[in-house]
Amino acid sequence: MTTTAADDQLTILDRCDACGAQAYVRVVLPYGELLFCGHHANAHLEKLAAAAICVHDERSRIASDGQAQGAGEA
């Protein structure tokens, strides 16, 4: 398994295949790819990692995205 570079950064339009929330993890498998939110990545990534061709993990953005969204609120 490899981790991909930032060229394929996930956007707000990428949605979790399990629940529809914003995706922060892409798992590329021999038969396709899966997108996961942070919660579902935490739940499934360990099992999928063995079969994955690569994993693109942007969960580190979750805290910074939340701060940026809440920054202008009073």
N, C-alpha and C. Protein backbone atom coordinates (compact mmCIF):
# COMPACT_ATOMS: atom_id res chain seq x y z
N MET A 1 0.85 -1.17 0.00
CA MET A 1 0.00 0.00 0.00
C MET A 1 0.89 1.23 0.00
N THR A 2 0.49 2.24 -0.75
CA THR A 2 1.21 3.51 -0.76
C THR A 2 0.26 4.63 -0.41
N THR A 3 0.82 5.76 -0.04
CA THR A 3 0.03 6.95 0.22
C THR A 3 0.27 7.91 -0.93
N THR A 4 -0.80 8.50 -1.46
CA THR A 4 -0.65 9.37 -2.62
C THR A 4 -0.27 10.79 -2.21
N ALA A 5 0.26 11.54 -3.15
CA ALA A 5 0.64 12.93 -2.92
C ALA A 5 -0.59 13.82 -2.98
N ALA A 6 -0.39 15.10 -2.74
CA ALA A 6 -1.49 16.05 -2.67
C ALA A 6 -2.09 16.39 -4.03
N ASP A 7 -1.58 15.80 -5.14
CA ASP A 7 -2.11 16.12 -6.46
C ASP A 7 -3.60 15.78 -6.56
N ASP A 8 -4.01 14.75 -5.90
CA ASP A 8 -5.39 14.28 -5.97
C ASP A 8 -6.18 14.68 -4.74
N GLN A 9 -6.00 15.92 -4.31
CA GLN A 9 -6.65 16.39 -3.08
C GLN A 9 -8.17 16.24 -3.20
N LEU A 10 -8.77 15.77 -2.14
CA LEU A 10 -10.21 15.63 -2.09
C LEU A 10 -10.85 17.01 -1.91
N THR A 11 -12.04 17.18 -2.48
CA THR A 11 -12.74 18.46 -2.38
C THR A 11 -14.03 18.27 -1.60
N ILE A 12 -14.71 19.37 -1.37
CA ILE A 12 -15.99 19.32 -0.66
C ILE A 12 -17.04 18.53 -1.45
N LEU A 13 -16.83 18.37 -2.74
CA LEU A 13 -17.76 17.61 -3.57
C LEU A 13 -17.57 16.10 -3.44
N ASP A 14 -16.44 15.66 -2.90
CA ASP A 14 -16.19 14.23 -2.68
C ASP A 14 -16.91 13.81 -1.40
N ARG A 15 -17.77 12.80 -1.52
CA ARG A 15 -18.63 12.40 -0.40
C ARG A 15 -18.33 10.97 0.04
N CYS A 16 -18.50 10.72 1.32
CA CYS A 16 -18.30 9.39 1.91
C CYS A 16 -19.28 8.40 1.29
N ASP A 17 -18.76 7.25 0.86
CA ASP A 17 -19.62 6.22 0.28
C ASP A 17 -20.53 5.57 1.32
N ALA A 18 -20.21 5.70 2.59
CA ALA A 18 -21.02 5.07 3.63
C ALA A 18 -22.15 5.97 4.12
N CYS A 19 -21.90 7.30 4.22
CA CYS A 19 -22.93 8.15 4.83
C CYS A 19 -23.20 9.46 4.09
N GLY A 20 -22.38 9.82 3.12
CA GLY A 20 -22.61 11.05 2.37
C GLY A 20 -21.96 12.29 2.94
N ALA A 21 -21.25 12.17 4.06
CA ALA A 21 -20.52 13.31 4.63
C ALA A 21 -19.30 13.62 3.76
N GLN A 22 -18.65 14.75 4.00
CA GLN A 22 -17.46 15.09 3.22
C GLN A 22 -16.39 14.02 3.39
N ALA A 23 -15.81 13.60 2.28
CA ALA A 23 -14.79 12.56 2.31
C ALA A 23 -13.41 13.16 2.58
N TYR A 24 -12.65 12.49 3.42
CA TYR A 24 -11.28 12.89 3.73
C TYR A 24 -10.29 11.77 3.43
N VAL A 25 -10.77 10.60 3.04
CA VAL A 25 -9.90 9.46 2.75
C VAL A 25 -10.37 8.78 1.47
N ARG A 26 -9.42 8.54 0.56
CA ARG A 26 -9.69 7.77 -0.67
C ARG A 26 -8.88 6.48 -0.57
N VAL A 27 -9.54 5.35 -0.73
CA VAL A 27 -8.87 4.06 -0.73
C VAL A 27 -9.02 3.47 -2.13
N VAL A 28 -7.89 3.28 -2.81
CA VAL A 28 -7.92 2.70 -4.15
C VAL A 28 -7.64 1.21 -4.01
N LEU A 29 -8.58 0.43 -4.49
CA LEU A 29 -8.51 -1.03 -4.43
C LEU A 29 -8.38 -1.56 -5.85
N PRO A 30 -7.99 -2.82 -6.02
CA PRO A 30 -7.84 -3.39 -7.37
C PRO A 30 -9.13 -3.31 -8.19
N TYR A 31 -10.27 -3.25 -7.55
CA TYR A 31 -11.56 -3.29 -8.24
C TYR A 31 -12.30 -1.95 -8.20
N GLY A 32 -11.65 -0.88 -7.75
CA GLY A 32 -12.28 0.44 -7.69
C GLY A 32 -11.78 1.24 -6.52
N GLU A 33 -12.49 2.32 -6.21
CA GLU A 33 -12.09 3.15 -5.08
C GLU A 33 -13.26 3.42 -4.16
N LEU A 34 -12.93 3.68 -2.91
CA LEU A 34 -13.92 4.03 -1.90
C LEU A 34 -13.51 5.35 -1.29
N LEU A 35 -14.50 6.18 -0.96
CA LEU A 35 -14.26 7.44 -0.27
C LEU A 35 -14.92 7.35 1.10
N PHE A 36 -14.21 7.88 2.12
CA PHE A 36 -14.73 7.81 3.49
C PHE A 36 -14.58 9.14 4.21
N CYS A 37 -15.54 9.45 5.06
CA CYS A 37 -15.39 10.55 6.01
C CYS A 37 -14.41 10.08 7.09
N GLY A 38 -14.03 10.95 7.98
CA GLY A 38 -13.09 10.58 9.04
C GLY A 38 -13.60 9.43 9.90
N HIS A 39 -14.88 9.49 10.26
CA HIS A 39 -15.47 8.45 11.13
C HIS A 39 -15.42 7.08 10.46
N HIS A 40 -15.85 6.99 9.23
CA HIS A 40 -15.88 5.69 8.56
C HIS A 40 -14.48 5.23 8.15
N ALA A 41 -13.56 6.15 7.91
CA ALA A 41 -12.17 5.75 7.68
C ALA A 41 -11.60 5.12 8.94
N ASN A 42 -11.88 5.73 10.08
CA ASN A 42 -11.41 5.16 11.35
C ASN A 42 -11.97 3.76 11.56
N ALA A 43 -13.21 3.55 11.14
CA ALA A 43 -13.86 2.26 11.35
C ALA A 43 -13.38 1.17 10.39
N HIS A 44 -13.00 1.53 9.14
CA HIS A 44 -12.75 0.52 8.12
C HIS A 44 -11.34 0.48 7.55
N LEU A 45 -10.56 1.52 7.74
CA LEU A 45 -9.28 1.62 7.05
C LEU A 45 -8.30 0.51 7.41
N GLU A 46 -8.27 0.11 8.65
CA GLU A 46 -7.33 -0.93 9.07
C GLU A 46 -7.55 -2.23 8.28
N LYS A 47 -8.81 -2.60 8.09
CA LYS A 47 -9.12 -3.83 7.36
C LYS A 47 -8.87 -3.68 5.85
N LEU A 48 -9.16 -2.50 5.31
CA LEU A 48 -9.00 -2.29 3.87
C LEU A 48 -7.55 -2.07 3.46
N ALA A 49 -6.71 -1.62 4.37
CA ALA A 49 -5.33 -1.27 4.05
C ALA A 49 -4.56 -2.45 3.44
N ALA A 50 -4.84 -3.65 3.88
CA ALA A 50 -4.12 -4.82 3.37
C ALA A 50 -4.39 -5.05 1.88
N ALA A 51 -5.59 -4.72 1.42
CA ALA A 51 -5.96 -4.94 0.01
C ALA A 51 -5.77 -3.69 -0.84
N ALA A 52 -5.49 -2.54 -0.21
CA ALA A 52 -5.44 -1.27 -0.93
C ALA A 52 -4.19 -1.15 -1.80
N ILE A 53 -4.38 -0.57 -2.98
CA ILE A 53 -3.26 -0.21 -3.84
C ILE A 53 -2.62 1.06 -3.28
N CYS A 54 -3.46 2.02 -2.89
CA CYS A 54 -2.97 3.22 -2.22
C CYS A 54 -4.08 3.83 -1.38
N VAL A 55 -3.68 4.63 -0.42
CA VAL A 55 -4.60 5.34 0.47
C VAL A 55 -4.21 6.81 0.45
N HIS A 56 -5.17 7.66 0.19
CA HIS A 56 -4.96 9.12 0.22
C HIS A 56 -5.71 9.60 1.45
N ASP A 57 -4.99 10.00 2.49
CA ASP A 57 -5.58 10.32 3.79
C ASP A 57 -5.40 11.80 4.09
N GLU A 58 -6.51 12.53 4.17
CA GLU A 58 -6.50 13.95 4.49
C GLU A 58 -7.21 14.24 5.81
N ARG A 59 -7.27 13.25 6.69
CA ARG A 59 -7.97 13.47 7.97
C ARG A 59 -7.32 14.57 8.79
N SER A 60 -6.07 14.89 8.54
CA SER A 60 -5.42 15.98 9.27
C SER A 60 -6.08 17.32 8.95
N ARG A 61 -6.81 17.41 7.83
CA ARG A 61 -7.52 18.64 7.47
C ARG A 61 -8.80 18.85 8.26
N ILE A 62 -9.30 17.84 8.92
CA ILE A 62 -10.60 17.95 9.59
C ILE A 62 -10.59 19.08 10.61
N ALA A 63 -9.61 19.16 11.47
CA ALA A 63 -9.55 20.22 12.49
C ALA A 63 -9.38 21.58 11.83
N SER A 64 -8.51 21.69 10.84
CA SER A 64 -8.27 22.99 10.21
C SER A 64 -9.48 23.44 9.39
N ASP A 65 -10.19 22.51 8.73
CA ASP A 65 -11.40 22.87 7.99
C ASP A 65 -12.47 23.39 8.94
N GLY A 66 -12.63 22.76 10.08
CA GLY A 66 -13.62 23.19 11.06
C GLY A 66 -13.30 24.54 11.63
N GLN A 67 -12.04 24.84 11.89
CA GLN A 67 -11.64 26.15 12.40
C GLN A 67 -11.88 27.22 11.35
N ALA A 68 -11.59 26.91 10.09
CA ALA A 68 -11.78 27.89 9.02
C ALA A 68 -13.25 28.20 8.84
N GLN A 69 -14.12 27.21 8.94
CA GLN A 69 -15.55 27.43 8.77
C GLN A 69 -16.13 28.22 9.93
N GLY A 70 -15.64 27.98 11.13
CA GLY A 70 -16.16 28.67 12.31
C GLY A 70 -15.49 30.00 12.60
N ALA A 71 -14.47 30.35 11.84
CA ALA A 71 -13.69 31.56 12.13
C ALA A 71 -14.50 32.83 12.01
N GLY A 72 -15.44 32.90 11.07
CA GLY A 72 -16.19 34.13 10.88
C GLY A 72 -17.47 34.20 11.69
N GLU A 73 -17.78 33.16 12.43
CA GLU A 73 -19.02 33.14 13.21
C GLU A 73 -18.84 33.84 14.53
N ALA A 74 -19.91 34.49 15.01
CA ALA A 74 -19.85 35.19 16.30
C ALA A 74 -20.87 34.63 17.25
